[in-house]
Amino acid sequence: MNPRRILISIVLLASFLIIFPTAPLLAWPVPDTGQTTCYDDVGNVISCPSPGQRFYGQDGCYSINPMSFTKLDGGNMVRDNVTGLI
């Protein structure tokens, strides 16, 4: 096998092993939007569909990391409990 090809393969493998295992460590939670309403294709409000039903997958179908806040320091500062930002 060509030495140049071996070197390229080693560099690509090393890059993959360095980048992908650390990617989840660099991610942070994102607060939910609070959207709870779902719509059909012409804009009518509908009950939020279940997986496999038409129009499933809208933001209103999910509740992930609901908004949550805590007052700090006598109420002058607020912490976002999802992201930890103050």
N, C-alpha and C. Protein backbone atom coordinates (compact mmCIF):
# COMPACT_ATOMS: atom_id res chain seq x y z
N MET A 1 0.84 -1.18 0.00
CA MET A 1 0.00 0.00 0.00
C MET A 1 0.89 1.25 0.00
N ASN A 2 0.43 2.27 -0.62
CA ASN A 2 1.15 3.53 -0.76
C ASN A 2 1.34 4.19 0.61
N PRO A 3 2.59 4.59 0.98
CA PRO A 3 2.82 5.24 2.28
C PRO A 3 2.02 6.52 2.47
N ARG A 4 1.81 7.25 1.41
CA ARG A 4 1.01 8.48 1.50
C ARG A 4 -0.44 8.15 1.86
N ARG A 5 -0.96 7.10 1.27
CA ARG A 5 -2.33 6.67 1.55
C ARG A 5 -2.47 6.20 2.99
N ILE A 6 -1.45 5.52 3.50
CA ILE A 6 -1.45 5.07 4.89
C ILE A 6 -1.46 6.27 5.83
N LEU A 7 -0.64 7.26 5.54
CA LEU A 7 -0.57 8.47 6.37
C LEU A 7 -1.91 9.20 6.37
N ILE A 8 -2.54 9.33 5.22
CA ILE A 8 -3.84 9.99 5.13
C ILE A 8 -4.87 9.22 5.95
N SER A 9 -4.84 7.90 5.87
CA SER A 9 -5.78 7.07 6.63
C SER A 9 -5.57 7.26 8.13
N ILE A 10 -4.33 7.32 8.57
CA ILE A 10 -4.03 7.50 9.99
C ILE A 10 -4.51 8.87 10.47
N VAL A 11 -4.28 9.90 9.67
CA VAL A 11 -4.71 11.25 10.04
C VAL A 11 -6.23 11.32 10.12
N LEU A 12 -6.92 10.74 9.16
CA LEU A 12 -8.38 10.75 9.17
C LEU A 12 -8.93 9.98 10.38
N LEU A 13 -8.35 8.83 10.68
CA LEU A 13 -8.79 8.04 11.83
C LEU A 13 -8.54 8.80 13.12
N ALA A 14 -7.38 9.41 13.26
CA ALA A 14 -7.07 10.18 14.46
C ALA A 14 -8.03 11.36 14.62
N SER A 15 -8.33 12.04 13.52
CA SER A 15 -9.27 13.16 13.57
C SER A 15 -10.65 12.69 14.02
N PHE A 16 -11.09 11.58 13.48
CA PHE A 16 -12.38 11.02 13.84
C PHE A 16 -12.42 10.68 15.33
N LEU A 17 -11.38 10.04 15.82
CA LEU A 17 -11.34 9.62 17.22
C LEU A 17 -11.24 10.80 18.18
N ILE A 18 -10.67 11.91 17.74
CA ILE A 18 -10.56 13.09 18.59
C ILE A 18 -11.85 13.91 18.58
N ILE A 19 -12.43 14.12 17.40
CA ILE A 19 -13.59 15.00 17.28
C ILE A 19 -14.87 14.37 17.79
N PHE A 20 -15.21 13.18 17.36
CA PHE A 20 -16.52 12.62 17.67
C PHE A 20 -16.72 12.25 19.13
N PRO A 21 -15.75 11.70 19.85
CA PRO A 21 -16.01 11.43 21.27
C PRO A 21 -16.19 12.69 22.10
N THR A 22 -15.59 13.80 21.68
CA THR A 22 -15.72 15.03 22.47
C THR A 22 -16.94 15.86 22.09
N ALA A 23 -17.59 15.56 20.96
CA ALA A 23 -18.74 16.35 20.52
C ALA A 23 -19.85 16.39 21.57
N PRO A 24 -20.24 15.25 22.19
CA PRO A 24 -21.29 15.34 23.21
C PRO A 24 -20.87 16.18 24.42
N LEU A 25 -19.59 16.26 24.71
CA LEU A 25 -19.13 17.08 25.83
C LEU A 25 -19.28 18.57 25.55
N LEU A 26 -19.30 18.93 24.28
CA LEU A 26 -19.40 20.34 23.91
C LEU A 26 -20.85 20.79 23.75
N ALA A 27 -21.79 19.85 23.78
CA ALA A 27 -23.20 20.19 23.61
C ALA A 27 -23.78 20.66 24.94
N TRP A 28 -24.83 21.46 24.88
CA TRP A 28 -25.50 21.91 26.09
C TRP A 28 -27.00 21.84 25.84
N PRO A 29 -27.80 21.76 26.91
CA PRO A 29 -29.25 21.69 26.70
C PRO A 29 -29.80 23.00 26.16
N VAL A 30 -30.84 22.88 25.37
CA VAL A 30 -31.51 24.04 24.81
C VAL A 30 -32.90 24.10 25.42
N PRO A 31 -33.32 25.25 25.94
CA PRO A 31 -34.66 25.34 26.53
C PRO A 31 -35.75 25.12 25.49
N ASP A 32 -36.84 24.52 25.94
CA ASP A 32 -38.01 24.31 25.08
C ASP A 32 -38.59 25.67 24.70
N THR A 33 -39.26 25.73 23.58
CA THR A 33 -39.85 26.99 23.13
C THR A 33 -41.14 27.33 23.85
N GLY A 34 -41.78 26.32 24.42
CA GLY A 34 -43.07 26.54 25.06
C GLY A 34 -44.24 26.42 24.10
N GLN A 35 -43.95 26.13 22.84
CA GLN A 35 -45.01 25.97 21.83
C GLN A 35 -45.80 24.70 22.15
N THR A 36 -47.12 24.81 22.29
CA THR A 36 -47.96 23.66 22.61
C THR A 36 -49.07 23.45 21.59
N THR A 37 -49.18 24.33 20.62
CA THR A 37 -50.23 24.26 19.62
C THR A 37 -49.69 23.63 18.35
N CYS A 38 -50.53 22.82 17.68
CA CYS A 38 -50.17 22.22 16.40
C CYS A 38 -51.15 22.69 15.34
N TYR A 39 -50.70 22.64 14.09
CA TYR A 39 -51.48 23.17 12.97
C TYR A 39 -51.50 22.18 11.81
N ASP A 40 -52.54 22.28 10.98
CA ASP A 40 -52.58 21.48 9.76
C ASP A 40 -51.91 22.27 8.63
N ASP A 41 -52.02 21.76 7.41
CA ASP A 41 -51.31 22.36 6.29
C ASP A 41 -51.88 23.70 5.81
N VAL A 42 -53.06 24.08 6.29
CA VAL A 42 -53.61 25.39 5.91
C VAL A 42 -53.66 26.36 7.08
N GLY A 43 -53.10 25.95 8.24
CA GLY A 43 -53.00 26.85 9.38
C GLY A 43 -54.07 26.70 10.43
N ASN A 44 -54.95 25.71 10.30
CA ASN A 44 -55.97 25.49 11.32
C ASN A 44 -55.35 24.81 12.54
N VAL A 45 -55.78 25.21 13.73
CA VAL A 45 -55.30 24.59 14.96
C VAL A 45 -55.88 23.18 15.04
N ILE A 46 -55.02 22.20 15.34
CA ILE A 46 -55.44 20.80 15.49
C ILE A 46 -54.87 20.27 16.79
N SER A 47 -55.39 19.14 17.27
CA SER A 47 -54.76 18.51 18.43
C SER A 47 -53.44 17.92 17.94
N CYS A 48 -52.44 17.97 18.78
CA CYS A 48 -51.10 17.52 18.36
C CYS A 48 -51.12 16.02 18.06
N PRO A 49 -50.65 15.65 16.86
CA PRO A 49 -50.69 14.26 16.44
C PRO A 49 -49.65 13.40 17.14
N SER A 50 -49.90 12.09 17.12
CA SER A 50 -48.98 11.10 17.67
C SER A 50 -48.01 10.64 16.60
N PRO A 51 -46.91 9.97 16.98
CA PRO A 51 -45.97 9.47 15.97
C PRO A 51 -46.69 8.61 14.93
N GLY A 52 -46.35 8.85 13.68
CA GLY A 52 -46.93 8.11 12.58
C GLY A 52 -48.15 8.79 11.97
N GLN A 53 -48.75 9.73 12.70
CA GLN A 53 -49.91 10.44 12.17
C GLN A 53 -49.46 11.62 11.32
N ARG A 54 -50.35 12.05 10.46
CA ARG A 54 -50.08 13.21 9.61
C ARG A 54 -49.84 14.44 10.48
N PHE A 55 -48.90 15.26 10.12
CA PHE A 55 -48.50 16.50 10.79
C PHE A 55 -47.71 16.26 12.08
N TYR A 56 -47.32 15.02 12.37
CA TYR A 56 -46.50 14.78 13.56
C TYR A 56 -45.10 15.36 13.34
N GLY A 57 -44.50 15.83 14.41
CA GLY A 57 -43.14 16.36 14.36
C GLY A 57 -43.08 17.86 14.53
N GLN A 58 -44.22 18.50 14.70
CA GLN A 58 -44.23 19.93 14.95
C GLN A 58 -43.68 20.20 16.35
N ASP A 59 -43.24 21.40 16.59
CA ASP A 59 -42.68 21.76 17.89
C ASP A 59 -43.67 21.52 19.03
N GLY A 60 -44.95 21.70 18.77
CA GLY A 60 -45.97 21.49 19.79
C GLY A 60 -46.09 20.04 20.23
N CYS A 61 -45.55 19.12 19.44
CA CYS A 61 -45.61 17.69 19.79
C CYS A 61 -44.62 17.32 20.88
N TYR A 62 -43.66 18.17 21.15
CA TYR A 62 -42.57 17.84 22.07
C TYR A 62 -42.52 18.80 23.25
N SER A 63 -42.12 18.26 24.38
CA SER A 63 -41.81 19.10 25.54
C SER A 63 -40.49 18.60 26.10
N ILE A 64 -39.42 19.23 25.65
CA ILE A 64 -38.08 18.83 26.06
C ILE A 64 -37.42 20.01 26.74
N ASN A 65 -36.87 19.81 27.92
CA ASN A 65 -36.23 20.87 28.69
C ASN A 65 -37.15 22.08 28.86
N PRO A 66 -38.32 21.89 29.52
CA PRO A 66 -39.22 23.03 29.69
C PRO A 66 -38.54 24.18 30.41
N MET A 67 -38.97 25.40 30.10
CA MET A 67 -38.38 26.58 30.70
C MET A 67 -38.51 26.54 32.22
N SER A 68 -37.44 26.90 32.89
CA SER A 68 -37.42 26.91 34.35
C SER A 68 -36.41 27.95 34.81
N PHE A 69 -36.84 28.81 35.73
CA PHE A 69 -35.98 29.90 36.18
C PHE A 69 -35.99 29.97 37.71
N THR A 70 -34.88 30.45 38.28
CA THR A 70 -34.78 30.65 39.72
C THR A 70 -34.28 32.06 39.98
N LYS A 71 -34.99 32.80 40.85
CA LYS A 71 -34.52 34.13 41.24
C LYS A 71 -33.33 33.98 42.18
N LEU A 72 -32.32 34.77 41.94
CA LEU A 72 -31.11 34.76 42.77
C LEU A 72 -30.90 36.14 43.38
N ASP A 73 -30.20 36.20 44.48
CA ASP A 73 -29.76 37.47 45.05
C ASP A 73 -30.93 38.43 45.26
N GLY A 74 -31.96 37.98 45.94
CA GLY A 74 -33.09 38.85 46.24
C GLY A 74 -33.92 39.21 45.02
N GLY A 75 -33.80 38.49 43.93
CA GLY A 75 -34.62 38.74 42.75
C GLY A 75 -33.99 39.64 41.72
N ASN A 76 -32.76 40.15 41.97
CA ASN A 76 -32.11 41.02 40.99
C ASN A 76 -31.46 40.22 39.86
N MET A 77 -31.19 38.95 40.11
CA MET A 77 -30.59 38.08 39.08
C MET A 77 -31.45 36.83 38.94
N VAL A 78 -31.44 36.26 37.73
CA VAL A 78 -32.23 35.08 37.45
C VAL A 78 -31.33 34.05 36.77
N ARG A 79 -31.46 32.79 37.20
CA ARG A 79 -30.70 31.69 36.57
C ARG A 79 -31.66 30.87 35.71
N ASP A 80 -31.26 30.59 34.49
CA ASP A 80 -31.99 29.66 33.63
C ASP A 80 -31.58 28.27 34.09
N ASN A 81 -32.52 27.51 34.66
CA ASN A 81 -32.19 26.20 35.20
C ASN A 81 -31.87 25.17 34.13
N VAL A 82 -32.23 25.42 32.90
CA VAL A 82 -31.92 24.49 31.81
C VAL A 82 -30.48 24.66 31.33
N THR A 83 -30.09 25.90 31.08
CA THR A 83 -28.74 26.15 30.53
C THR A 83 -27.73 26.49 31.62
N GLY A 84 -28.22 26.94 32.79
CA GLY A 84 -27.32 27.37 33.85
C GLY A 84 -26.86 28.82 33.70
N LEU A 85 -27.32 29.49 32.64
CA LEU A 85 -26.93 30.89 32.43
C LEU A 85 -27.58 31.79 33.46
N ILE A 86 -26.86 32.84 33.86
CA ILE A 86 -27.38 33.80 34.84
C ILE A 86 -27.48 35.15 34.18
